[in-house]
Amino acid sequence: MLRSTLILVAAASAAGAAYVYEGGWGSSGSGNGEMSYPLHLALSPARNVYVADQGNDRIQYFTSAGSFLGNWGNRGTGQGQFQNPSGLAFGPTGWLYVTECMGDRLQCFSAAGSFLFTWGSFGSGRGQFQYPRAVDVAPDGTVYVADTRNYRIQYFTSTGSFLGSWGSYGTGQGEFDMPLGVAVSPAGRVYVAEYFNHRVQYFTSAGSYLGGWGSEGSGPGQFNNPQALAFAPDGTLFVGDTTNSRVQYFTPNGSFLGSFGGRGSGPGEMADVTGLALWPTGARLYAVDYGGCRIQYFNRNEPAVTPASWGTVKALYR
């Protein structure tokens, strides 16, 4: 009984953890480390930060604290060129998958930017896209793509062979209006953020509807054009509540846990949140400040166990 109570106290402390601003980098421009309306970001296995610098049609990458390491890409339709790179995700092989919202395709690279392969073209058939905005990769290598203007999710093998899809335009369960975010949970569920329906829905790995939450507004659990999604290893879901310029976080079933951020240009403030990524431990979260043309990062601040807390535990066993 004592052990169970102590576990509950620890769980309550973890749920009460807050994310506090630690640092950031970037400004508007086209030089190294400068950005033009960045959209998404991803963390490599080495914890380097990769940014879809979509206005500059390139990928930039940095150390975990923001020191510039390199970039590749320019405007075009060739291998390693981009037309507004948007979504980024690393797979279990260490490959980086990049969606192009205006190029209607997905390209795959090594962590150093070497081109590996590509798939996709404009259309509504299998493996075709219209404005693919986000991508995530399951632990088994399955690639999920938010095929935004086809109002569906498509999924593929790690090398681009079509496996399946689900979704259509609408407001009902399993329907979408501008799905701009997709993320695979540690339990293998697929979560989708809908920009115009102001909600998050979640599904099995093959697209069977499981649940959802959200409505338009600025209160806890409400959204104003959500699009960025990222998971902590314990299953906590972080949502980039874009136009509210904040990050909210939830249990896997949508119970509200907390939020941080707000509109502005100061430390910890943002002008639209379009991308999120977490360290594998969940101890640090990176956010794309789209309007501020910068990346900010926040550290988890675990609440201290106070003497009063231990006094409560002791009181239970007098």
C-alpha atoms as a PDB file:
ATOM      1  CA  MET A   1       0.000   0.000   0.000  1.00  0.00           C
ATOM      2  CA  LEU A   2       2.832   2.402   0.882  1.00  0.00           C
ATOM      3  CA  ARG A   3       4.596   1.688  -2.423  1.00  0.00           C
ATOM      4  CA  SER A   4       1.371   2.403  -4.385  1.00  0.00           C
ATOM      5  CA  THR A   5       0.877   5.712  -2.599  1.00  0.00           C
ATOM      6  CA  LEU A   6       4.453   6.797  -3.278  1.00  0.00           C
ATOM      7  CA  ILE A   7       3.999   5.993  -6.970  1.00  0.00           C
ATOM      8  CA  LEU A   8       0.876   8.160  -7.022  1.00  0.00           C
ATOM      9  CA  VAL A   9       2.775  11.054  -5.448  1.00  0.00           C
ATOM     10  CA  ALA A  10       5.550  10.711  -8.053  1.00  0.00           C
ATOM     11  CA  ALA A  11       3.001  10.571 -10.864  1.00  0.00           C
ATOM     12  CA  ALA A  12       1.303  13.700  -9.586  1.00  0.00           C
ATOM     13  CA  SER A  13       4.667  15.490  -9.555  1.00  0.00           C
ATOM     14  CA  ALA A  14       5.369  14.473 -13.143  1.00  0.00           C
ATOM     15  CA  ALA A  15       1.942  15.642 -14.280  1.00  0.00           C
ATOM     16  CA  GLY A  16       2.599  18.984 -12.595  1.00  0.00           C
ATOM     17  CA  ALA A  17       5.894  19.549 -14.424  1.00  0.00           C
ATOM     18  CA  ALA A  18       6.089  22.872 -16.273  1.00  0.00           C
ATOM     19  CA  TYR A  19       8.160  23.780 -19.321  1.00  0.00           C
ATOM     20  CA  VAL A  20      10.165  26.973 -18.900  1.00  0.00           C
ATOM     21  CA  TYR A  21      12.042  29.012 -21.493  1.00  0.00           C
ATOM     22  CA  GLU A  22      15.760  28.279 -21.749  1.00  0.00           C
ATOM     23  CA  GLY A  23      16.987  29.729 -25.047  1.00  0.00           C
ATOM     24  CA  GLY A  24      16.530  30.233 -28.750  1.00  0.00           C
ATOM     25  CA  TRP A  25      18.100  31.351 -32.006  1.00  0.00           C
ATOM     26  CA  GLY A  26      17.284  32.710 -35.437  1.00  0.00           C
ATOM     27  CA  SER A  27      16.110  35.875 -37.151  1.00  0.00           C
ATOM     28  CA  SER A  28      14.589  36.835 -40.474  1.00  0.00           C
ATOM     29  CA  GLY A  29      16.922  36.494 -43.461  1.00  0.00           C
ATOM     30  CA  SER A  30      18.695  34.104 -45.808  1.00  0.00           C
ATOM     31  CA  GLY A  31      22.129  33.806 -44.189  1.00  0.00           C
ATOM     32  CA  ASN A  32      23.378  30.894 -42.130  1.00  0.00           C
ATOM     33  CA  GLY A  33      21.168  30.590 -39.067  1.00  0.00           C
ATOM     34  CA  GLU A  34      18.642  33.062 -40.447  1.00  0.00           C
ATOM     35  CA  MET A  35      15.204  31.853 -41.531  1.00  0.00           C
ATOM     36  CA  SER A  36      12.245  32.790 -43.685  1.00  0.00           C
ATOM     37  CA  TYR A  37       8.998  31.543 -42.163  1.00  0.00           C
ATOM     38  CA  PRO A  38      10.221  28.178 -40.885  1.00  0.00           C
ATOM     39  CA  LEU A  39       7.515  25.534 -40.604  1.00  0.00           C
ATOM     40  CA  HIS A  40       8.667  22.344 -38.894  1.00  0.00           C
ATOM     41  CA  LEU A  41      11.689  20.835 -37.184  1.00  0.00           C
ATOM     42  CA  ALA A  42      13.019  17.420 -36.241  1.00  0.00           C
ATOM     43  CA  LEU A  43      15.711  16.063 -33.928  1.00  0.00           C
ATOM     44  CA  SER A  44      18.301  13.634 -35.247  1.00  0.00           C
ATOM     45  CA  PRO A  45      19.449  10.640 -33.171  1.00  0.00           C
ATOM     46  CA  ALA A  46      22.442  12.824 -32.235  1.00  0.00           C
ATOM     47  CA  ARG A  47      19.997  15.508 -30.971  1.00  0.00           C
ATOM     48  CA  ASN A  48      20.918  17.977 -33.684  1.00  0.00           C
ATOM     49  CA  VAL A  49      18.027  20.229 -34.726  1.00  0.00           C
ATOM     50  CA  TYR A  50      16.857  20.227 -38.354  1.00  0.00           C
ATOM     51  CA  VAL A  51      14.617  23.074 -39.546  1.00  0.00           C
ATOM     52  CA  ALA A  52      12.398  23.292 -42.641  1.00  0.00           C
ATOM     53  CA  ASP A  53      13.328  26.829 -43.707  1.00  0.00           C
ATOM     54  CA  GLN A  54      10.507  26.893 -46.234  1.00  0.00           C
ATOM     55  CA  GLY A  55      10.761  30.508 -47.376  1.00  0.00           C
ATOM     56  CA  ASN A  56      14.411  29.897 -48.278  1.00  0.00           C
ATOM     57  CA  ASP A  57      13.665  26.452 -49.811  1.00  0.00           C
ATOM     58  CA  ARG A  58      16.300  24.705 -47.729  1.00  0.00           C
ATOM     59  CA  ILE A  59      16.974  22.565 -44.676  1.00  0.00           C
ATOM     60  CA  GLN A  60      19.252  23.993 -41.993  1.00  0.00           C
ATOM     61  CA  TYR A  61      20.656  22.054 -39.071  1.00  0.00           C
ATOM     62  CA  PHE A  62      22.126  23.086 -35.739  1.00  0.00           C
ATOM     63  CA  THR A  63      23.479  21.753 -32.474  1.00  0.00           C
ATOM     64  CA  SER A  64      20.983  21.304 -29.665  1.00  0.00           C
ATOM     65  CA  ALA A  65      21.825  24.819 -28.426  1.00  0.00           C
ATOM     66  CA  GLY A  66      21.519  26.435 -31.870  1.00  0.00           C
ATOM     67  CA  SER A  67      25.062  26.599 -33.266  1.00  0.00           C
ATOM     68  CA  PHE A  68      24.913  26.412 -37.079  1.00  0.00           C
ATOM     69  CA  LEU A  69      26.190  23.145 -38.577  1.00  0.00           C
ATOM     70  CA  GLY A  70      25.107  23.206 -42.212  1.00  0.00           C
ATOM     71  CA  ASN A  71      22.319  23.412 -44.782  1.00  0.00           C
ATOM     72  CA  TRP A  72      21.284  22.204 -48.205  1.00  0.00           C
ATOM     73  CA  GLY A  73      18.686  22.985 -50.850  1.00  0.00           C
ATOM     74  CA  ASN A  74      17.470  25.755 -53.120  1.00  0.00           C
ATOM     75  CA  ARG A  75      14.390  26.474 -55.206  1.00  0.00           C
ATOM     76  CA  GLY A  76      13.723  23.826 -57.817  1.00  0.00           C
ATOM     77  CA  THR A  77      12.299  20.443 -58.707  1.00  0.00           C
ATOM     78  CA  GLY A  78      15.507  18.399 -58.878  1.00  0.00           C
ATOM     79  CA  GLN A  79      16.928  16.000 -56.330  1.00  0.00           C
ATOM     80  CA  GLY A  80      17.790  17.906 -53.154  1.00  0.00           C
ATOM     81  CA  GLN A  81      15.936  20.997 -54.345  1.00  0.00           C
ATOM     82  CA  PHE A  82      12.702  22.162 -52.759  1.00  0.00           C
ATOM     83  CA  GLN A  83       9.435  23.943 -53.344  1.00  0.00           C
ATOM     84  CA  ASN A  84       8.562  25.012 -49.802  1.00  0.00           C
ATOM     85  CA  PRO A  85       9.853  22.197 -47.583  1.00  0.00           C
ATOM     86  CA  SER A  86       7.363  21.749 -44.785  1.00  0.00           C
ATOM     87  CA  GLY A  87       7.368  18.526 -42.746  1.00  0.00           C
ATOM     88  CA  LEU A  88      10.420  16.791 -41.274  1.00  0.00           C
ATOM     89  CA  ALA A  89      10.813  13.451 -39.490  1.00  0.00           C
ATOM     90  CA  PHE A  90      13.647  11.034 -38.784  1.00  0.00           C
ATOM     91  CA  GLY A  91      13.008   7.313 -39.175  1.00  0.00           C
ATOM     92  CA  PRO A  92      14.601   4.466 -37.209  1.00  0.00           C
ATOM     93  CA  THR A  93      17.303   4.095 -39.882  1.00  0.00           C
ATOM     94  CA  GLY A  94      18.434   7.702 -39.331  1.00  0.00           C
ATOM     95  CA  TRP A  95      16.974   8.851 -42.661  1.00  0.00           C
ATOM     96  CA  LEU A  96      15.377  12.296 -42.760  1.00  0.00           C
ATOM     97  CA  TYR A  97      12.014  12.494 -44.558  1.00  0.00           C
ATOM     98  CA  VAL A  98      10.992  15.896 -45.978  1.00  0.00           C
ATOM     99  CA  THR A  99       7.595  16.808 -47.421  1.00  0.00           C
ATOM    100  CA  GLU A 100       7.231  19.682 -49.891  1.00  0.00           C
ATOM    101  CA  CYS A 101       3.874  21.403 -49.653  1.00  0.00           C
ATOM    102  CA  MET A 102       4.251  23.061 -53.069  1.00  0.00           C
ATOM    103  CA  GLY A 103       6.284  20.259 -54.638  1.00  0.00           C
ATOM    104  CA  ASP A 104       3.684  17.552 -53.860  1.00  0.00           C
ATOM    105  CA  ARG A 105       6.324  14.961 -53.042  1.00  0.00           C
ATOM    106  CA  LEU A 106       8.466  13.524 -50.283  1.00  0.00           C
ATOM    107  CA  GLN A 107      12.268  13.350 -50.388  1.00  0.00           C
ATOM    108  CA  CYS A 108      14.558  11.310 -48.153  1.00  0.00           C
ATOM    109  CA  PHE A 109      18.118  12.240 -47.106  1.00  0.00           C
ATOM    110  CA  SER A 110      20.953  11.176 -44.890  1.00  0.00           C
ATOM    111  CA  ALA A 111      21.530  13.294 -41.784  1.00  0.00           C
ATOM    112  CA  ALA A 112      24.289  15.129 -43.695  1.00  0.00           C
ATOM    113  CA  GLY A 113      21.913  16.020 -46.538  1.00  0.00           C
ATOM    114  CA  SER A 114      22.829  13.386 -49.137  1.00  0.00           C
ATOM    115  CA  PHE A 115      19.843  12.613 -51.359  1.00  0.00           C
ATOM    116  CA  LEU A 116      18.568   9.027 -51.058  1.00  0.00           C
ATOM    117  CA  PHE A 117      15.229   8.729 -52.892  1.00  0.00           C
ATOM    118  CA  THR A 118      11.879  10.413 -53.513  1.00  0.00           C
ATOM    119  CA  TRP A 119       8.225   9.623 -54.236  1.00  0.00           C
ATOM    120  CA  GLY A 120       4.987  11.426 -54.985  1.00  0.00           C
ATOM    121  CA  SER A 121       3.439  13.711 -57.590  1.00  0.00           C
ATOM    122  CA  PHE A 122       0.455  16.042 -57.820  1.00  0.00           C
ATOM    123  CA  GLY A 123      -2.910  14.292 -57.730  1.00  0.00           C
ATOM    124  CA  SER A 124      -5.419  12.382 -55.632  1.00  0.00           C
ATOM    125  CA  GLY A 125      -4.453   8.805 -56.439  1.00  0.00           C
ATOM    126  CA  ARG A 126      -2.477   6.420 -54.288  1.00  0.00           C
ATOM    127  CA  GLY A 127       0.894   7.930 -53.445  1.00  0.00           C
ATOM    128  CA  GLN A 128      -0.041  11.271 -54.982  1.00  0.00           C
ATOM    129  CA  PHE A 129      -0.341  14.450 -52.934  1.00  0.00           C
ATOM    130  CA  GLN A 130      -1.923  17.861 -52.820  1.00  0.00           C
ATOM    131  CA  TYR A 131      -0.055  20.119 -50.416  1.00  0.00           C
ATOM    132  CA  PRO A 132       1.517  17.482 -48.135  1.00  0.00           C
ATOM    133  CA  ARG A 133       2.317  19.448 -45.011  1.00  0.00           C
ATOM    134  CA  ALA A 134       3.536  17.062 -42.299  1.00  0.00           C
ATOM    135  CA  VAL A 135       5.186  13.665 -41.886  1.00  0.00           C
ATOM    136  CA  ASP A 136       5.976  11.303 -39.033  1.00  0.00           C
ATOM    137  CA  VAL A 137       7.584   7.869 -38.878  1.00  0.00           C
ATOM    138  CA  ALA A 138       6.524   4.979 -36.634  1.00  0.00           C
ATOM    139  CA  PRO A 139       9.154   2.880 -34.829  1.00  0.00           C
ATOM    140  CA  ASP A 140       8.682   0.120 -37.440  1.00  0.00           C
ATOM    141  CA  GLY A 141       9.534   2.592 -40.227  1.00  0.00           C
ATOM    142  CA  THR A 142       5.987   3.200 -41.500  1.00  0.00           C
ATOM    143  CA  VAL A 143       5.769   6.738 -42.905  1.00  0.00           C
ATOM    144  CA  TYR A 144       2.581   8.758 -42.287  1.00  0.00           C
ATOM    145  CA  VAL A 145       1.902  11.869 -44.377  1.00  0.00           C
ATOM    146  CA  ALA A 146      -0.731  14.579 -43.833  1.00  0.00           C
ATOM    147  CA  ASP A 147      -1.980  14.935 -47.418  1.00  0.00           C
ATOM    148  CA  THR A 148      -3.580  18.244 -46.568  1.00  0.00           C
ATOM    149  CA  ARG A 149      -5.673  19.270 -49.565  1.00  0.00           C
ATOM    150  CA  ASN A 150      -6.747  15.711 -50.278  1.00  0.00           C
ATOM    151  CA  TYR A 151      -8.084  15.752 -46.682  1.00  0.00           C
ATOM    152  CA  ARG A 152      -6.529  12.421 -45.812  1.00  0.00           C
ATOM    153  CA  ILE A 153      -3.636  10.609 -44.181  1.00  0.00           C
ATOM    154  CA  GLN A 154      -1.565   8.306 -46.371  1.00  0.00           C
ATOM    155  CA  TYR A 155       0.954   5.775 -45.097  1.00  0.00           C
ATOM    156  CA  PHE A 156       3.851   4.010 -46.754  1.00  0.00           C
ATOM    157  CA  THR A 157       6.752   1.658 -46.195  1.00  0.00           C
ATOM    158  CA  SER A 158      10.056   3.287 -45.303  1.00  0.00           C
ATOM    159  CA  THR A 159      10.986   3.378 -49.016  1.00  0.00           C
ATOM    160  CA  GLY A 160       7.692   4.777 -50.273  1.00  0.00           C
ATOM    161  CA  SER A 161       5.520   1.801 -51.213  1.00  0.00           C
ATOM    162  CA  PHE A 162       1.861   2.678 -50.644  1.00  0.00           C
ATOM    163  CA  LEU A 163       0.179   0.856 -47.736  1.00  0.00           C
ATOM    164  CA  GLY A 164      -3.110   2.657 -47.203  1.00  0.00           C
ATOM    165  CA  SER A 165      -4.998   5.886 -46.511  1.00  0.00           C
ATOM    166  CA  TRP A 166      -8.042   7.252 -44.706  1.00  0.00           C
ATOM    167  CA  GLY A 167     -10.036  10.452 -44.458  1.00  0.00           C
ATOM    168  CA  SER A 168     -12.229  12.773 -46.502  1.00  0.00           C
ATOM    169  CA  TYR A 169     -13.422  16.349 -46.265  1.00  0.00           C
ATOM    170  CA  GLY A 170     -15.830  17.128 -43.424  1.00  0.00           C
ATOM    171  CA  THR A 171     -16.393  17.656 -39.713  1.00  0.00           C
ATOM    172  CA  GLY A 172     -17.435  14.157 -38.657  1.00  0.00           C
ATOM    173  CA  GLN A 173     -15.390  11.434 -37.010  1.00  0.00           C
ATOM    174  CA  GLY A 174     -12.517  10.454 -39.293  1.00  0.00           C
ATOM    175  CA  GLU A 175     -13.148  13.424 -41.588  1.00  0.00           C
ATOM    176  CA  PHE A 176     -10.739  16.337 -41.903  1.00  0.00           C
ATOM    177  CA  ASP A 177     -10.596  20.013 -42.753  1.00  0.00           C
ATOM    178  CA  MET A 178      -6.985  20.930 -43.538  1.00  0.00           C
ATOM    179  CA  PRO A 179      -5.031  18.279 -41.606  1.00  0.00           C
ATOM    180  CA  LEU A 180      -1.695  19.989 -41.036  1.00  0.00           C
ATOM    181  CA  GLY A 181      -0.133  17.824 -38.324  1.00  0.00           C
ATOM    182  CA  VAL A 182       0.440  14.110 -37.859  1.00  0.00           C
ATOM    183  CA  ALA A 183       2.280  12.225 -35.117  1.00  0.00           C
ATOM    184  CA  VAL A 184       2.629   8.606 -34.020  1.00  0.00           C
ATOM    185  CA  SER A 185       2.311   8.006 -30.279  1.00  0.00           C
ATOM    186  CA  PRO A 186       4.558   5.635 -28.295  1.00  0.00           C
ATOM    187  CA  ALA A 187       1.583   3.244 -28.262  1.00  0.00           C
ATOM    188  CA  GLY A 188       1.368   3.292 -32.074  1.00  0.00           C
ATOM    189  CA  ARG A 189      -1.736   5.457 -32.405  1.00  0.00           C
ATOM    190  CA  VAL A 190      -1.802   8.128 -35.121  1.00  0.00           C
ATOM    191  CA  TYR A 191      -2.835  11.653 -34.077  1.00  0.00           C
ATOM    192  CA  VAL A 192      -3.938  14.321 -36.554  1.00  0.00           C
ATOM    193  CA  ALA A 193      -4.237  18.083 -35.992  1.00  0.00           C
ATOM    194  CA  GLU A 194      -6.890  19.848 -38.070  1.00  0.00           C
ATOM    195  CA  TYR A 195      -6.348  23.514 -38.783  1.00  0.00           C
ATOM    196  CA  PHE A 196      -9.927  24.522 -39.602  1.00  0.00           C
ATOM    197  CA  ASN A 197     -11.818  22.040 -37.409  1.00  0.00           C
ATOM    198  CA  HIS A 198      -9.773  23.229 -34.406  1.00  0.00           C
ATOM    199  CA  ARG A 199      -9.328  19.742 -32.997  1.00  0.00           C
ATOM    200  CA  VAL A 200      -7.135  16.669 -32.633  1.00  0.00           C
ATOM    201  CA  GLN A 201      -8.327  13.216 -33.698  1.00  0.00           C
ATOM    202  CA  TYR A 202      -6.584   9.906 -33.113  1.00  0.00           C
ATOM    203  CA  PHE A 203      -6.707   6.550 -34.847  1.00  0.00           C
ATOM    204  CA  THR A 204      -5.248   3.073 -34.940  1.00  0.00           C
ATOM    205  CA  SER A 205      -2.159   2.600 -37.094  1.00  0.00           C
ATOM    206  CA  ALA A 206      -4.469   1.572 -39.978  1.00  0.00           C
ATOM    207  CA  GLY A 207      -6.850   4.513 -39.587  1.00  0.00           C
ATOM    208  CA  SER A 208      -9.744   3.244 -37.450  1.00  0.00           C
ATOM    209  CA  TYR A 209     -11.210   6.133 -35.450  1.00  0.00           C
ATOM    210  CA  LEU A 210     -10.542   6.056 -31.696  1.00  0.00           C
ATOM    211  CA  GLY A 211     -11.377   9.533 -30.388  1.00  0.00           C
ATOM    212  CA  GLY A 212     -10.774  13.245 -30.528  1.00  0.00           C
ATOM    213  CA  TRP A 213     -11.158  16.562 -28.723  1.00  0.00           C
ATOM    214  CA  GLY A 214     -11.078  20.303 -29.218  1.00  0.00           C
ATOM    215  CA  SER A 215     -13.164  23.254 -30.354  1.00  0.00           C
ATOM    216  CA  GLU A 216     -12.422  26.795 -31.459  1.00  0.00           C
ATOM    217  CA  GLY A 217     -11.370  29.092 -28.635  1.00  0.00           C
ATOM    218  CA  SER A 218      -8.576  30.102 -26.296  1.00  0.00           C
ATOM    219  CA  GLY A 219      -9.469  28.171 -23.156  1.00  0.00           C
ATOM    220  CA  PRO A 220      -7.756  25.013 -21.893  1.00  0.00           C
ATOM    221  CA  GLY A 221      -8.260  22.239 -24.438  1.00  0.00           C
ATOM    222  CA  GLN A 222      -9.565  24.649 -27.066  1.00  0.00           C
ATOM    223  CA  PHE A 223      -7.578  25.521 -30.175  1.00  0.00           C
ATOM    224  CA  ASN A 224      -7.170  28.226 -32.751  1.00  0.00           C
ATOM    225  CA  ASN A 225      -5.780  26.512 -35.876  1.00  0.00           C
ATOM    226  CA  PRO A 226      -3.647  23.730 -34.350  1.00  0.00           C
ATOM    227  CA  GLN A 227      -1.033  22.073 -36.528  1.00  0.00           C
ATOM    228  CA  ALA A 228       2.120  20.929 -34.691  1.00  0.00           C
ATOM    229  CA  LEU A 229       2.134  17.660 -32.727  1.00  0.00           C
ATOM    230  CA  ALA A 230       4.874  15.928 -30.728  1.00  0.00           C
ATOM    231  CA  PHE A 231       4.984  13.160 -28.123  1.00  0.00           C
ATOM    232  CA  ALA A 232       6.989  12.734 -24.939  1.00  0.00           C
ATOM    233  CA  PRO A 233       8.088   9.158 -24.190  1.00  0.00           C
ATOM    234  CA  ASP A 234       5.401   8.799 -21.488  1.00  0.00           C
ATOM    235  CA  GLY A 235       2.685   9.474 -24.080  1.00  0.00           C
ATOM    236  CA  THR A 236       2.083  13.131 -23.217  1.00  0.00           C
ATOM    237  CA  LEU A 237       0.973  14.914 -26.391  1.00  0.00           C
ATOM    238  CA  PHE A 238       2.154  18.474 -27.089  1.00  0.00           C
ATOM    239  CA  VAL A 239       0.066  20.543 -29.504  1.00  0.00           C
ATOM    240  CA  GLY A 240       1.194  23.703 -31.264  1.00  0.00           C
ATOM    241  CA  ASP A 241      -1.923  25.844 -30.857  1.00  0.00           C
ATOM    242  CA  THR A 242      -0.863  27.974 -33.787  1.00  0.00           C
ATOM    243  CA  THR A 243      -2.865  31.181 -33.794  1.00  0.00           C
ATOM    244  CA  ASN A 244      -3.119  31.220 -29.994  1.00  0.00           C
ATOM    245  CA  SER A 245       0.713  31.213 -30.111  1.00  0.00           C
ATOM    246  CA  ARG A 246       1.032  28.686 -27.327  1.00  0.00           C
ATOM    247  CA  VAL A 247       1.798  25.044 -26.651  1.00  0.00           C
ATOM    248  CA  GLN A 248      -0.763  22.914 -24.845  1.00  0.00           C
ATOM    249  CA  TYR A 249      -0.149  19.408 -23.555  1.00  0.00           C
ATOM    250  CA  PHE A 250      -2.482  16.519 -22.829  1.00  0.00           C
ATOM    251  CA  THR A 251      -2.766  12.909 -21.818  1.00  0.00           C
ATOM    252  CA  PRO A 252      -3.054  10.503 -24.780  1.00  0.00           C
ATOM    253  CA  ASN A 253      -6.862  10.631 -24.455  1.00  0.00           C
ATOM    254  CA  GLY A 254      -7.046  14.417 -24.442  1.00  0.00           C
ATOM    255  CA  SER A 255      -7.161  15.409 -20.778  1.00  0.00           C
ATOM    256  CA  PHE A 256      -5.617  18.863 -20.390  1.00  0.00           C
ATOM    257  CA  LEU A 257      -2.347  19.017 -18.426  1.00  0.00           C
ATOM    258  CA  GLY A 258      -0.920  22.477 -19.032  1.00  0.00           C
ATOM    259  CA  SER A 259       0.191  25.167 -21.480  1.00  0.00           C
ATOM    260  CA  PHE A 260       2.886  27.761 -22.018  1.00  0.00           C
ATOM    261  CA  GLY A 261       3.725  30.565 -24.423  1.00  0.00           C
ATOM    262  CA  GLY A 262       1.649  33.455 -25.707  1.00  0.00           C
ATOM    263  CA  ARG A 263       1.755  35.961 -28.535  1.00  0.00           C
ATOM    264  CA  GLY A 264       4.737  38.289 -28.600  1.00  0.00           C
ATOM    265  CA  SER A 265       8.401  38.609 -29.516  1.00  0.00           C
ATOM    266  CA  GLY A 266      10.006  38.202 -26.110  1.00  0.00           C
ATOM    267  CA  PRO A 267      11.629  35.092 -24.632  1.00  0.00           C
ATOM    268  CA  GLY A 268       9.050  32.326 -24.440  1.00  0.00           C
ATOM    269  CA  GLU A 269       6.560  34.261 -26.563  1.00  0.00           C
ATOM    270  CA  MET A 270       5.763  33.327 -30.156  1.00  0.00           C
ATOM    271  CA  ALA A 271       4.036  34.541 -33.309  1.00  0.00           C
ATOM    272  CA  ASP A 272       2.314  31.307 -34.418  1.00  0.00           C
ATOM    273  CA  VAL A 273       3.633  27.866 -33.401  1.00  0.00           C
ATOM    274  CA  THR A 274       4.059  25.599 -36.436  1.00  0.00           C
ATOM    275  CA  GLY A 275       6.507  22.888 -35.343  1.00  0.00           C
ATOM    276  CA  LEU A 276       7.436  20.951 -32.199  1.00  0.00           C
ATOM    277  CA  ALA A 277      10.009  18.320 -31.267  1.00  0.00           C
ATOM    278  CA  LEU A 278      11.141  16.764 -27.986  1.00  0.00           C
ATOM    279  CA  TRP A 279      14.266  15.083 -26.747  1.00  0.00           C
ATOM    280  CA  PRO A 280      13.814  11.318 -26.359  1.00  0.00           C
ATOM    281  CA  THR A 281      13.684  11.830 -22.588  1.00  0.00           C
ATOM    282  CA  GLY A 282      11.029  14.540 -22.879  1.00  0.00           C
ATOM    283  CA  ALA A 283      13.223  16.902 -20.838  1.00  0.00           C
ATOM    284  CA  ARG A 284      13.508  19.570 -23.563  1.00  0.00           C
ATOM    285  CA  LEU A 285      10.974  20.809 -26.105  1.00  0.00           C
ATOM    286  CA  TYR A 286      11.763  22.808 -29.257  1.00  0.00           C
ATOM    287  CA  ALA A 287       9.170  25.070 -30.882  1.00  0.00           C
ATOM    288  CA  VAL A 288       9.119  26.824 -34.250  1.00  0.00           C
ATOM    289  CA  ASP A 289       8.196  30.497 -33.870  1.00  0.00           C
ATOM    290  CA  TYR A 290       6.923  30.939 -37.443  1.00  0.00           C
ATOM    291  CA  GLY A 291       6.338  34.698 -37.413  1.00  0.00           C
ATOM    292  CA  GLY A 292       9.460  35.357 -35.359  1.00  0.00           C
ATOM    293  CA  CYS A 293      11.637  33.335 -37.785  1.00  0.00           C
ATOM    294  CA  ARG A 294      13.322  31.581 -34.902  1.00  0.00           C
ATOM    295  CA  ILE A 295      13.536  28.430 -32.815  1.00  0.00           C
ATOM    296  CA  GLN A 296      12.938  28.473 -29.071  1.00  0.00           C
ATOM    297  CA  TYR A 297      13.486  25.715 -26.557  1.00  0.00           C
ATOM    298  CA  PHE A 298      11.978  24.990 -23.173  1.00  0.00           C
ATOM    299  CA  ASN A 299      13.126  22.687 -20.391  1.00  0.00           C
ATOM    300  CA  ARG A 300      10.928  20.600 -18.155  1.00  0.00           C
ATOM    301  CA  ASN A 301      10.924  22.029 -14.641  1.00  0.00           C
ATOM    302  CA  GLU A 302       9.998  19.238 -12.247  1.00  0.00           C
ATOM    303  CA  PRO A 303       8.265  20.511  -9.095  1.00  0.00           C
ATOM    304  CA  ALA A 304      10.281  19.903  -5.965  1.00  0.00           C
ATOM    305  CA  VAL A 305       8.935  17.468  -3.374  1.00  0.00           C
ATOM    306  CA  THR A 306       8.360  19.730  -0.392  1.00  0.00           C
ATOM    307  CA  PRO A 307       8.423  18.735   3.257  1.00  0.00           C
ATOM    308  CA  ALA A 308       4.659  19.275   3.283  1.00  0.00           C
ATOM    309  CA  SER A 309       4.305  16.682   0.543  1.00  0.00           C
ATOM    310  CA  TRP A 310       6.259  14.142   2.579  1.00  0.00           C
ATOM    311  CA  GLY A 311       4.238  15.121   5.610  1.00  0.00           C
ATOM    312  CA  THR A 312       1.089  14.183   3.728  1.00  0.00           C
ATOM    313  CA  VAL A 313       2.565  10.761   2.941  1.00  0.00           C
ATOM    314  CA  LYS A 314       3.616  10.235   6.542  1.00  0.00           C
ATOM    315  CA  ALA A 315       0.214  11.245   7.820  1.00  0.00           C
ATOM    316  CA  LEU A 316      -1.376   8.446   5.817  1.00  0.00           C
ATOM    317  CA  TYR A 317       0.584   5.845   7.784  1.00  0.00           C
ATOM    318  CA  ARG A 318       0.531   7.074  11.371  1.00  0.00           C
END
